PDB file of N, CA and C in Angstrom:
ATOM      1  N   MET A   1      15.498 -11.034  -3.244  1.00  0.00           N
ATOM      2  CA  MET A   1      14.845 -11.602  -2.065  1.00  0.00           C
ATOM      3  C   MET A   1      14.211 -10.481  -1.262  1.00  0.00           C
ATOM      4  N   VAL A   2      12.988 -10.686  -0.858  1.00  0.00           N
ATOM      5  CA  VAL A   2      12.332  -9.711   0.010  1.00  0.00           C
ATOM      6  C   VAL A   2      12.450 -10.173   1.449  1.00  0.00           C
ATOM      7  N   LYS A   3      12.654  -9.227   2.328  1.00  0.00           N
ATOM      8  CA  LYS A   3      12.826  -9.553   3.742  1.00  0.00           C
ATOM      9  C   LYS A   3      11.808  -8.851   4.630  1.00  0.00           C
ATOM     10  N   VAL A   4      11.288  -7.700   4.173  1.00  0.00           N
ATOM     11  CA  VAL A   4      10.319  -6.944   4.966  1.00  0.00           C
ATOM     12  C   VAL A   4       9.163  -6.518   4.071  1.00  0.00           C
ATOM     13  N   ALA A   5       8.031  -6.188   4.709  1.00  0.00           N
ATOM     14  CA  ALA A   5       6.836  -5.809   3.957  1.00  0.00           C
ATOM     15  C   ALA A   5       5.994  -4.847   4.775  1.00  0.00           C
ATOM     16  N   LEU A   6       4.949  -4.363   4.136  1.00  0.00           N
ATOM     17  CA  LEU A   6       3.943  -3.540   4.792  1.00  0.00           C
ATOM     18  C   LEU A   6       2.567  -4.079   4.426  1.00  0.00           C
ATOM     19  N   PHE A   7       1.642  -4.035   5.369  1.00  0.00           N
ATOM     20  CA  PHE A   7       0.242  -4.287   5.076  1.00  0.00           C
ATOM     21  C   PHE A   7      -0.543  -3.097   5.596  1.00  0.00           C
ATOM     22  N   VAL A   8      -1.232  -2.425   4.691  1.00  0.00           N
ATOM     23  CA  VAL A   8      -2.036  -1.250   5.029  1.00  0.00           C
ATOM     24  C   VAL A   8      -3.488  -1.612   4.811  1.00  0.00           C
ATOM     25  N   ARG A   9      -4.300  -1.430   5.842  1.00  0.00           N
ATOM     26  CA  ARG A   9      -5.728  -1.742   5.762  1.00  0.00           C
ATOM     27  C   ARG A   9      -6.508  -0.432   5.818  1.00  0.00           C
ATOM     28  N   MET A  10      -7.491  -0.307   4.908  1.00  0.00           N
ATOM     29  CA  MET A  10      -8.277   0.921   4.800  1.00  0.00           C
ATOM     30  C   MET A  10      -9.756   0.581   4.706  1.00  0.00           C
ATOM     31  N   GLU A  11     -10.568   1.323   5.417  1.00  0.00           N
ATOM     32  CA  GLU A  11     -12.020   1.164   5.377  1.00  0.00           C
ATOM     33  C   GLU A  11     -12.603   2.411   4.717  1.00  0.00           C
ATOM     34  N   ALA A  12     -13.252   2.221   3.559  1.00  0.00           N
ATOM     35  CA  ALA A  12     -13.809   3.352   2.818  1.00  0.00           C
ATOM     36  C   ALA A  12     -15.012   3.940   3.543  1.00  0.00           C
ATOM     37  N   LYS A  13     -15.142   5.254   3.456  1.00  0.00           N
ATOM     38  CA  LYS A  13     -16.359   5.905   3.929  1.00  0.00           C
ATOM     39  C   LYS A  13     -17.513   5.449   3.042  1.00  0.00           C
ATOM     40  N   PRO A  14     -18.732   5.423   3.572  1.00  0.00           N
ATOM     41  CA  PRO A  14     -19.882   5.039   2.740  1.00  0.00           C
ATOM     42  C   PRO A  14     -19.948   5.911   1.476  1.00  0.00           C
ATOM     43  N   GLY A  15     -20.102   5.243   0.339  1.00  0.00           N
ATOM     44  CA  GLY A  15     -20.190   5.941  -0.936  1.00  0.00           C
ATOM     45  C   GLY A  15     -18.856   6.288  -1.567  1.00  0.00           C
ATOM     46  N   LYS A  16     -17.751   6.003  -0.895  1.00  0.00           N
ATOM     47  CA  LYS A  16     -16.411   6.341  -1.407  1.00  0.00           C
ATOM     48  C   LYS A  16     -15.656   5.126  -1.946  1.00  0.00           C
ATOM     49  N   GLU A  17     -16.329   3.986  -2.031  1.00  0.00           N
ATOM     50  CA  GLU A  17     -15.656   2.744  -2.428  1.00  0.00           C
ATOM     51  C   GLU A  17     -14.988   2.857  -3.796  1.00  0.00           C
ATOM     52  N   GLN A  18     -15.698   3.425  -4.784  1.00  0.00           N
ATOM     53  CA  GLN A  18     -15.117   3.538  -6.127  1.00  0.00           C
ATOM     54  C   GLN A  18     -13.933   4.488  -6.133  1.00  0.00           C
ATOM     55  N   GLU A  19     -14.006   5.553  -5.343  1.00  0.00           N
ATOM     56  CA  GLU A  19     -12.886   6.493  -5.263  1.00  0.00           C
ATOM     57  C   GLU A  19     -11.653   5.836  -4.649  1.00  0.00           C
ATOM     58  N   VAL A  20     -11.856   4.985  -3.642  1.00  0.00           N
ATOM     59  CA  VAL A  20     -10.726   4.273  -3.041  1.00  0.00           C
ATOM     60  C   VAL A  20     -10.120   3.318  -4.067  1.00  0.00           C
ATOM     61  N   GLU A  21     -10.974   2.597  -4.788  1.00  0.00           N
ATOM     62  CA  GLU A  21     -10.482   1.683  -5.821  1.00  0.00           C
ATOM     63  C   GLU A  21      -9.675   2.450  -6.873  1.00  0.00           C
ATOM     64  N   ASP A  22     -10.213   3.573  -7.333  1.00  0.00           N
ATOM     65  CA  ASP A  22      -9.509   4.387  -8.329  1.00  0.00           C
ATOM     66  C   ASP A  22      -8.175   4.904  -7.775  1.00  0.00           C
ATOM     67  N   PHE A  23      -8.169   5.293  -6.512  1.00  0.00           N
ATOM     68  CA  PHE A  23      -6.933   5.766  -5.876  1.00  0.00           C
ATOM     69  C   PHE A  23      -5.865   4.675  -5.886  1.00  0.00           C
ATOM     70  N   LEU A  24      -6.258   3.460  -5.523  1.00  0.00           N
ATOM     71  CA  LEU A  24      -5.287   2.360  -5.500  1.00  0.00           C
ATOM     72  C   LEU A  24      -4.742   2.075  -6.894  1.00  0.00           C
ATOM     73  N   ILE A  25      -5.604   2.077  -7.879  1.00  0.00           N
ATOM     74  CA  ILE A  25      -5.155   1.844  -9.259  1.00  0.00           C
ATOM     75  C   ILE A  25      -4.194   2.942  -9.693  1.00  0.00           C
ATOM     76  N   SER A  26      -4.473   4.187  -9.309  1.00  0.00           N
ATOM     77  CA  SER A  26      -3.610   5.304  -9.703  1.00  0.00           C
ATOM     78  C   SER A  26      -2.257   5.275  -8.999  1.00  0.00           C
ATOM     79  N   GLY A  27      -2.122   4.503  -7.927  1.00  0.00           N
ATOM     80  CA  GLY A  27      -0.856   4.408  -7.219  1.00  0.00           C
ATOM     81  C   GLY A  27       0.195   3.580  -7.928  1.00  0.00           C
ATOM     82  N   LEU A  28      -0.234   2.684  -8.801  1.00  0.00           N
ATOM     83  CA  LEU A  28       0.724   1.783  -9.459  1.00  0.00           C
ATOM     84  C   LEU A  28       1.817   2.529 -10.232  1.00  0.00           C
ATOM     85  N   PRO A  29       1.493   3.507 -11.068  1.00  0.00           N
ATOM     86  CA  PRO A  29       2.587   4.195 -11.770  1.00  0.00           C
ATOM     87  C   PRO A  29       3.585   4.873 -10.829  1.00  0.00           C
ATOM     88  N   LEU A  30       3.123   5.352  -9.695  1.00  0.00           N
ATOM     89  CA  LEU A  30       4.040   5.974  -8.727  1.00  0.00           C
ATOM     90  C   LEU A  30       4.999   4.945  -8.151  1.00  0.00           C
ATOM     91  N   VAL A  31       4.485   3.765  -7.836  1.00  0.00           N
ATOM     92  CA  VAL A  31       5.310   2.712  -7.237  1.00  0.00           C
ATOM     93  C   VAL A  31       6.309   2.154  -8.249  1.00  0.00           C
ATOM     94  N   LEU A  32       5.945   2.161  -9.521  1.00  0.00           N
ATOM     95  CA  LEU A  32       6.867   1.659 -10.542  1.00  0.00           C
ATOM     96  C   LEU A  32       8.176   2.450 -10.550  1.00  0.00           C
ATOM     97  N   GLY A  33       8.151   3.670 -10.066  1.00  0.00           N
ATOM     98  CA  GLY A  33       9.353   4.492  -9.994  1.00  0.00           C
ATOM     99  C   GLY A  33      10.159   4.309  -8.722  1.00  0.00           C
ATOM    100  N   GLU A  34       9.778   3.352  -7.888  1.00  0.00           N
ATOM    101  CA  GLU A  34      10.486   3.096  -6.629  1.00  0.00           C
ATOM    102  C   GLU A  34      11.361   1.852  -6.764  1.00  0.00           C
ATOM    103  N   PRO A  35      12.654   2.012  -6.956  1.00  0.00           N
ATOM    104  CA  PRO A  35      13.509   0.842  -7.150  1.00  0.00           C
ATOM    105  C   PRO A  35      13.582  -0.075  -5.933  1.00  0.00           C
ATOM    106  N   GLY A  36      13.321   0.443  -4.746  1.00  0.00           N
ATOM    107  CA  GLY A  36      13.392  -0.371  -3.534  1.00  0.00           C
ATOM    108  C   GLY A  36      12.105  -1.114  -3.206  1.00  0.00           C
ATOM    109  N   THR A  37      11.072  -0.956  -4.047  1.00  0.00           N
ATOM    110  CA  THR A  37       9.817  -1.690  -3.835  1.00  0.00           C
ATOM    111  C   THR A  37       9.804  -2.873  -4.795  1.00  0.00           C
ATOM    112  N   THR A  38       9.936  -4.075  -4.244  1.00  0.00           N
ATOM    113  CA  THR A  38      10.007  -5.289  -5.059  1.00  0.00           C
ATOM    114  C   THR A  38       8.632  -5.728  -5.550  1.00  0.00           C
ATOM    115  N   ALA A  39       7.631  -5.658  -4.682  1.00  0.00           N
ATOM    116  CA  ALA A  39       6.276  -6.081  -5.034  1.00  0.00           C
ATOM    117  C   ALA A  39       5.288  -5.120  -4.391  1.00  0.00           C
ATOM    118  N   TRP A  40       4.195  -4.829  -5.104  1.00  0.00           N
ATOM    119  CA  TRP A  40       3.165  -3.911  -4.602  1.00  0.00           C
ATOM    120  C   TRP A  40       1.809  -4.390  -5.106  1.00  0.00           C
ATOM    121  N   PHE A  41       0.862  -4.469  -4.191  1.00  0.00           N
ATOM    122  CA  PHE A  41      -0.485  -4.908  -4.539  1.00  0.00           C
ATOM    123  C   PHE A  41      -1.498  -3.966  -3.906  1.00  0.00           C
ATOM    124  N   GLY A  42      -2.400  -3.418  -4.712  1.00  0.00           N
ATOM    125  CA  GLY A  42      -3.575  -2.722  -4.210  1.00  0.00           C
ATOM    126  C   GLY A  42      -4.702  -3.741  -4.218  1.00  0.00           C
ATOM    127  N   ILE A  43      -5.364  -3.957  -3.095  1.00  0.00           N
ATOM    128  CA  ILE A  43      -6.321  -5.054  -2.993  1.00  0.00           C
ATOM    129  C   ILE A  43      -7.660  -4.596  -2.414  1.00  0.00           C
ATOM    130  N   ARG A  44      -8.696  -5.349  -2.746  1.00  0.00           N
ATOM    131  CA  ARG A  44     -10.017  -5.170  -2.149  1.00  0.00           C
ATOM    132  C   ARG A  44     -10.278  -6.418  -1.322  1.00  0.00           C
ATOM    133  N   ILE A  45     -10.534  -6.217  -0.031  1.00  0.00           N
ATOM    134  CA  ILE A  45     -10.744  -7.332   0.894  1.00  0.00           C
ATOM    135  C   ILE A  45     -12.229  -7.644   1.048  1.00  0.00           C
ATOM    136  N   GLY A  46     -13.056  -6.632   0.955  1.00  0.00           N
ATOM    137  CA  GLY A  46     -14.499  -6.775   1.081  1.00  0.00           C
ATOM    138  C   GLY A  46     -15.170  -5.583   0.435  1.00  0.00           C
ATOM    139  N   PRO A  47     -16.488  -5.455   0.581  1.00  0.00           N
ATOM    140  CA  PRO A  47     -17.213  -4.372  -0.093  1.00  0.00           C
ATOM    141  C   PRO A  47     -16.680  -2.970   0.213  1.00  0.00           C
ATOM    142  N   THR A  48     -16.241  -2.730   1.443  1.00  0.00           N
ATOM    143  CA  THR A  48     -15.742  -1.407   1.819  1.00  0.00           C
ATOM    144  C   THR A  48     -14.324  -1.443   2.376  1.00  0.00           C
ATOM    145  N   THR A  49     -13.712  -2.617   2.388  1.00  0.00           N
ATOM    146  CA  THR A  49     -12.386  -2.785   2.977  1.00  0.00           C
ATOM    147  C   THR A  49     -11.346  -3.002   1.879  1.00  0.00           C
ATOM    148  N   PHE A  50     -10.294  -2.202   1.926  1.00  0.00           N
ATOM    149  CA  PHE A  50      -9.233  -2.240   0.927  1.00  0.00           C
ATOM    150  C   PHE A  50      -7.896  -2.380   1.621  1.00  0.00           C
ATOM    151  N   GLY A  51      -6.859  -2.642   0.843  1.00  0.00           N
ATOM    152  CA  GLY A  51      -5.542  -2.751   1.430  1.00  0.00           C
ATOM    153  C   GLY A  51      -4.440  -2.559   0.419  1.00  0.00           C
ATOM    154  N   ILE A  52      -3.249  -2.424   0.943  1.00  0.00           N
ATOM    155  CA  ILE A  52      -2.024  -2.404   0.143  1.00  0.00           C
ATOM    156  C   ILE A  52      -1.064  -3.381   0.817  1.00  0.00           C
ATOM    157  N   PHE A  53      -0.502  -4.267   0.014  1.00  0.00           N
ATOM    158  CA  PHE A  53       0.562  -5.136   0.493  1.00  0.00           C
ATOM    159  C   PHE A  53       1.764  -4.864  -0.392  1.00  0.00           C
ATOM    160  N   ASP A  54       2.886  -4.557   0.211  1.00  0.00           N
ATOM    161  CA  ASP A  54       4.101  -4.352  -0.565  1.00  0.00           C
ATOM    162  C   ASP A  54       5.288  -4.946   0.160  1.00  0.00           C
ATOM    163  N   ALA A  55       6.296  -5.330  -0.627  1.00  0.00           N
ATOM    164  CA  ALA A  55       7.455  -6.031  -0.072  1.00  0.00           C
ATOM    165  C   ALA A  55       8.742  -5.391  -0.576  1.00  0.00           C
ATOM    166  N   PHE A  56       9.784  -5.511   0.272  1.00  0.00           N
ATOM    167  CA  PHE A  56      11.038  -4.806   0.041  1.00  0.00           C
ATOM    168  C   PHE A  56      12.214  -5.716   0.389  1.00  0.00           C
ATOM    169  N   PRO A  57      13.369  -5.479  -0.235  1.00  0.00           N
ATOM    170  CA  PRO A  57      14.533  -6.302   0.076  1.00  0.00           C
ATOM    171  C   PRO A  57      15.138  -5.987   1.448  1.00  0.00           C
ATOM    172  N   ASP A  58      14.878  -4.770   1.946  1.00  0.00           N
ATOM    173  CA  ASP A  58      15.489  -4.364   3.209  1.00  0.00           C
ATOM    174  C   ASP A  58      14.720  -3.197   3.827  1.00  0.00           C
ATOM    175  N   GLU A  59      15.134  -2.810   5.017  1.00  0.00           N
ATOM    176  CA  GLU A  59      14.471  -1.727   5.735  1.00  0.00           C
ATOM    177  C   GLU A  59      14.610  -0.393   5.001  1.00  0.00           C
ATOM    178  N   ALA A  60      15.720  -0.174   4.320  1.00  0.00           N
ATOM    179  CA  ALA A  60      15.911   1.073   3.576  1.00  0.00           C
ATOM    180  C   ALA A  60      14.854   1.227   2.484  1.00  0.00           C
ATOM    181  N   GLY A  61      14.557   0.138   1.776  1.00  0.00           N
ATOM    182  CA  GLY A  61      13.519   0.176   0.749  1.00  0.00           C
ATOM    183  C   GLY A  61      12.146   0.460   1.346  1.00  0.00           C
ATOM    184  N   ARG A  62      11.871  -0.163   2.487  1.00  0.00           N
ATOM    185  CA  ARG A  62      10.576   0.054   3.146  1.00  0.00           C
ATOM    186  C   ARG A  62      10.460   1.509   3.599  1.00  0.00           C
ATOM    187  N   GLN A  63      11.505   2.050   4.195  1.00  0.00           N
ATOM    188  CA  GLN A  63      11.469   3.434   4.660  1.00  0.00           C
ATOM    189  C   GLN A  63      11.356   4.415   3.486  1.00  0.00           C
ATOM    190  N   ALA A  64      12.033   4.123   2.387  1.00  0.00           N
ATOM    191  CA  ALA A  64      11.923   4.982   1.200  1.00  0.00           C
ATOM    192  C   ALA A  64      10.484   5.005   0.701  1.00  0.00           C
ATOM    193  N   HIS A  65       9.833   3.857   0.723  1.00  0.00           N
ATOM    194  CA  HIS A  65       8.436   3.788   0.284  1.00  0.00           C
ATOM    195  C   HIS A  65       7.530   4.570   1.239  1.00  0.00           C
ATOM    196  N   LEU A  66       7.754   4.421   2.535  1.00  0.00           N
ATOM    197  CA  LEU A  66       6.930   5.121   3.521  1.00  0.00           C
ATOM    198  C   LEU A  66       7.067   6.642   3.411  1.00  0.00           C
ATOM    199  N   SER A  67       8.165   7.117   2.860  1.00  0.00           N
ATOM    200  CA  SER A  67       8.334   8.559   2.686  1.00  0.00           C
ATOM    201  C   SER A  67       8.156   8.969   1.224  1.00  0.00           C
ATOM    202  N   GLY A  68       7.609   8.063   0.408  1.00  0.00           N
ATOM    203  CA  GLY A  68       7.445   8.316  -1.025  1.00  0.00           C
ATOM    204  C   GLY A  68       6.109   8.921  -1.398  1.00  0.00           C
ATOM    205  N   LYS A  69       5.857   8.981  -2.696  1.00  0.00           N
ATOM    206  CA  LYS A  69       4.684   9.647  -3.251  1.00  0.00           C
ATOM    207  C   LYS A  69       3.374   8.951  -2.917  1.00  0.00           C
ATOM    208  N   VAL A  70       3.364   7.622  -2.935  1.00  0.00           N
ATOM    209  CA  VAL A  70       2.117   6.910  -2.643  1.00  0.00           C
ATOM    210  C   VAL A  70       1.703   7.130  -1.192  1.00  0.00           C
ATOM    211  N   ALA A  71       2.649   7.047  -0.285  1.00  0.00           N
ATOM    212  CA  ALA A  71       2.341   7.269   1.131  1.00  0.00           C
ATOM    213  C   ALA A  71       1.843   8.690   1.358  1.00  0.00           C
ATOM    214  N   ALA A  72       2.464   9.655   0.706  1.00  0.00           N
ATOM    215  CA  ALA A  72       2.033  11.047   0.844  1.00  0.00           C
ATOM    216  C   ALA A  72       0.621  11.233   0.304  1.00  0.00           C
ATOM    217  N   ALA A  73       0.329  10.636  -0.840  1.00  0.00           N
ATOM    218  CA  ALA A  73      -1.015  10.737  -1.421  1.00  0.00           C
ATOM    219  C   ALA A  73      -2.046  10.050  -0.535  1.00  0.00           C
ATOM    220  N   LEU A  74      -1.676   8.914   0.036  1.00  0.00           N
ATOM    221  CA  LEU A  74      -2.577   8.184   0.927  1.00  0.00           C
ATOM    222  C   LEU A  74      -2.951   9.036   2.137  1.00  0.00           C
ATOM    223  N   MET A  75      -1.973   9.644   2.756  1.00  0.00           N
ATOM    224  CA  MET A  75      -2.250  10.465   3.934  1.00  0.00           C
ATOM    225  C   MET A  75      -3.022  11.733   3.568  1.00  0.00           C
ATOM    226  N   ALA A  76      -2.768  12.291   2.387  1.00  0.00           N
ATOM    227  CA  ALA A  76      -3.476  13.494   1.953  1.00  0.00           C
ATOM    228  C   ALA A  76      -4.956  13.214   1.718  1.00  0.00           C
ATOM    229  N   LYS A  77      -5.282  12.009   1.264  1.00  0.00           N
ATOM    230  CA  LYS A  77      -6.676  11.656   0.952  1.00  0.00           C
ATOM    231  C   LYS A  77      -7.386  10.960   2.097  1.00  0.00           C
ATOM    232  N   ALA A  78      -6.672  10.607   3.141  1.00  0.00           N
ATOM    233  CA  ALA A  78      -7.237   9.782   4.214  1.00  0.00           C
ATOM    234  C   ALA A  78      -8.519  10.368   4.793  1.00  0.00           C
ATOM    235  N   GLY A  79      -8.537  11.637   5.098  1.00  0.00           N
ATOM    236  CA  GLY A  79      -9.707  12.241   5.718  1.00  0.00           C
ATOM    237  C   GLY A  79     -10.929  12.231   4.824  1.00  0.00           C
ATOM    238  N   ASP A  80     -10.719  12.306   3.522  1.00  0.00           N
ATOM    239  CA  ASP A  80     -11.824  12.339   2.572  1.00  0.00           C
ATOM    240  C   ASP A  80     -12.352  10.945   2.238  1.00  0.00           C
ATOM    241  N   LEU A  81     -11.464   9.971   2.128  1.00  0.00           N
ATOM    242  CA  LEU A  81     -11.854   8.651   1.616  1.00  0.00           C
ATOM    243  C   LEU A  81     -12.148   7.598   2.683  1.00  0.00           C
ATOM    244  N   PHE A  82     -11.511   7.703   3.850  1.00  0.00           N
ATOM    245  CA  PHE A  82     -11.539   6.588   4.788  1.00  0.00           C
ATOM    246  C   PHE A  82     -12.332   6.897   6.055  1.00  0.00           C
ATOM    247  N   ALA A  83     -13.018   5.869   6.551  1.00  0.00           N
ATOM    248  CA  ALA A  83     -13.831   5.993   7.758  1.00  0.00           C
ATOM    249  C   ALA A  83     -12.965   6.199   8.992  1.00  0.00           C
ATOM    250  N   SER A  84     -11.747   5.692   8.961  1.00  0.00           N
ATOM    251  CA  SER A  84     -10.783   5.855  10.048  1.00  0.00           C
ATOM    252  C   SER A  84      -9.394   5.884   9.413  1.00  0.00           C
ATOM    253  N   PRO A  85      -8.388   6.348  10.135  1.00  0.00           N
ATOM    254  CA  PRO A  85      -7.047   6.378   9.543  1.00  0.00           C
ATOM    255  C   PRO A  85      -6.593   4.980   9.122  1.00  0.00           C
ATOM    256  N   PRO A  86      -5.897   4.872   7.982  1.00  0.00           N
ATOM    257  CA  PRO A  86      -5.367   3.569   7.572  1.00  0.00           C
ATOM    258  C   PRO A  86      -4.449   2.992   8.647  1.00  0.00           C
ATOM    259  N   THR A  87      -4.506   1.669   8.810  1.00  0.00           N
ATOM    260  CA  THR A  87      -3.585   1.004   9.737  1.00  0.00           C
ATOM    261  C   THR A  87      -2.410   0.467   8.917  1.00  0.00           C
ATOM    262  N   ILE A  88      -1.219   0.734   9.395  1.00  0.00           N
ATOM    263  CA  ILE A  88      -0.006   0.323   8.696  1.00  0.00           C
ATOM    264  C   ILE A  88       0.748  -0.644   9.592  1.00  0.00           C
ATOM    265  N   GLU A  89       0.902  -1.872   9.100  1.00  0.00           N
ATOM    266  CA  GLU A  89       1.616  -2.899   9.859  1.00  0.00           C
ATOM    267  C   GLU A  89       2.938  -3.220   9.168  1.00  0.00           C
ATOM    268  N   LYS A  90       4.020  -3.203   9.925  1.00  0.00           N
ATOM    269  CA  LYS A  90       5.320  -3.627   9.407  1.00  0.00           C
ATOM    270  C   LYS A  90       5.437  -5.134   9.610  1.00  0.00           C
ATOM    271  N   ILE A  91       5.840  -5.831   8.558  1.00  0.00           N
ATOM    272  CA  ILE A  91       5.847  -7.286   8.532  1.00  0.00           C
ATOM    273  C   ILE A  91       7.249  -7.776   8.165  1.00  0.00           C
ATOM    274  N   ASP A  92       7.672  -8.879   8.773  1.00  0.00           N
ATOM    275  CA  ASP A  92       8.882  -9.574   8.354  1.00  0.00           C
ATOM    276  C   ASP A  92       8.488 -10.700   7.419  1.00  0.00           C
ATOM    277  N   VAL A  93       9.119 -10.801   6.279  1.00  0.00           N
ATOM    278  CA  VAL A  93       8.830 -11.853   5.296  1.00  0.00           C
ATOM    279  C   VAL A  93       9.719 -13.057   5.616  1.00  0.00           C
ATOM    280  N   LEU A  94       9.098 -14.196   5.850  1.00  0.00           N
ATOM    281  CA  LEU A  94       9.842 -15.412   6.162  1.00  0.00           C
ATOM    282  C   LEU A  94      10.176 -16.238   4.919  1.00  0.00           C
ATOM    283  N   ALA A  95       9.282 -16.197   3.919  1.00  0.00           N
ATOM    284  CA  ALA A  95       9.504 -16.927   2.668  1.00  0.00           C
ATOM    285  C   ALA A  95       8.691 -16.251   1.573  1.00  0.00           C
ATOM    286  N   ALA A  96       9.187 -16.298   0.338  1.00  0.00           N
ATOM    287  CA  ALA A  96       8.490 -15.658  -0.766  1.00  0.00           C
ATOM    288  C   ALA A  96       8.836 -16.349  -2.076  1.00  0.00           C
ATOM    289  N   LYS A  97       7.894 -16.305  -3.015  1.00  0.00           N
ATOM    290  CA  LYS A  97       8.140 -16.750  -4.378  1.00  0.00           C
ATOM    291  C   LYS A  97       7.803 -15.576  -5.285  1.00  0.00           C
ATOM    292  N   LEU A  98       8.789 -15.086  -6.010  1.00  0.00           N
ATOM    293  CA  LEU A  98       8.618 -13.963  -6.914  1.00  0.00           C
ATOM    294  C   LEU A  98       9.193 -14.326  -8.271  1.00  0.00           C
ATOM    295  N   PRO A  99       8.695 -13.697  -9.337  1.00  0.00           N
ATOM    296  CA  PRO A  99       9.306 -13.973 -10.662  1.00  0.00           C
ATOM    297  C   PRO A  99      10.737 -13.466 -10.692  1.00  0.00           C
ATOM    298  N   GLY A 100      11.509 -14.042 -11.539  1.00  0.00           N
ATOM    299  CA  GLY A 100      12.848 -13.515 -11.699  1.00  0.00           C
ATOM    300  C   GLY A 100      13.869 -14.531 -11.697  1.00  0.00           C
TER     301      GLY A 100
END
């Protein structure tokens, strides 16, 4: 059961859209090594708007993810790829349907 989540919204700099897409795709193998991350999605919301939605069973899993490799890579690339710093929203999950 997931109880908490994160939604990260990112706006690509002009001409950096493909690099942002590639970055999100490259994040999946890193997240697969995070036992506390139940679900992770790299998404495209619009032509230049991207996001990450991920869900966790508890606050410990969410905090582990926030201090993990994907978060570090995101912050390291932020100045190069994004028009403004990514916005990170902490979310409470009220209901979910997951495989398993």
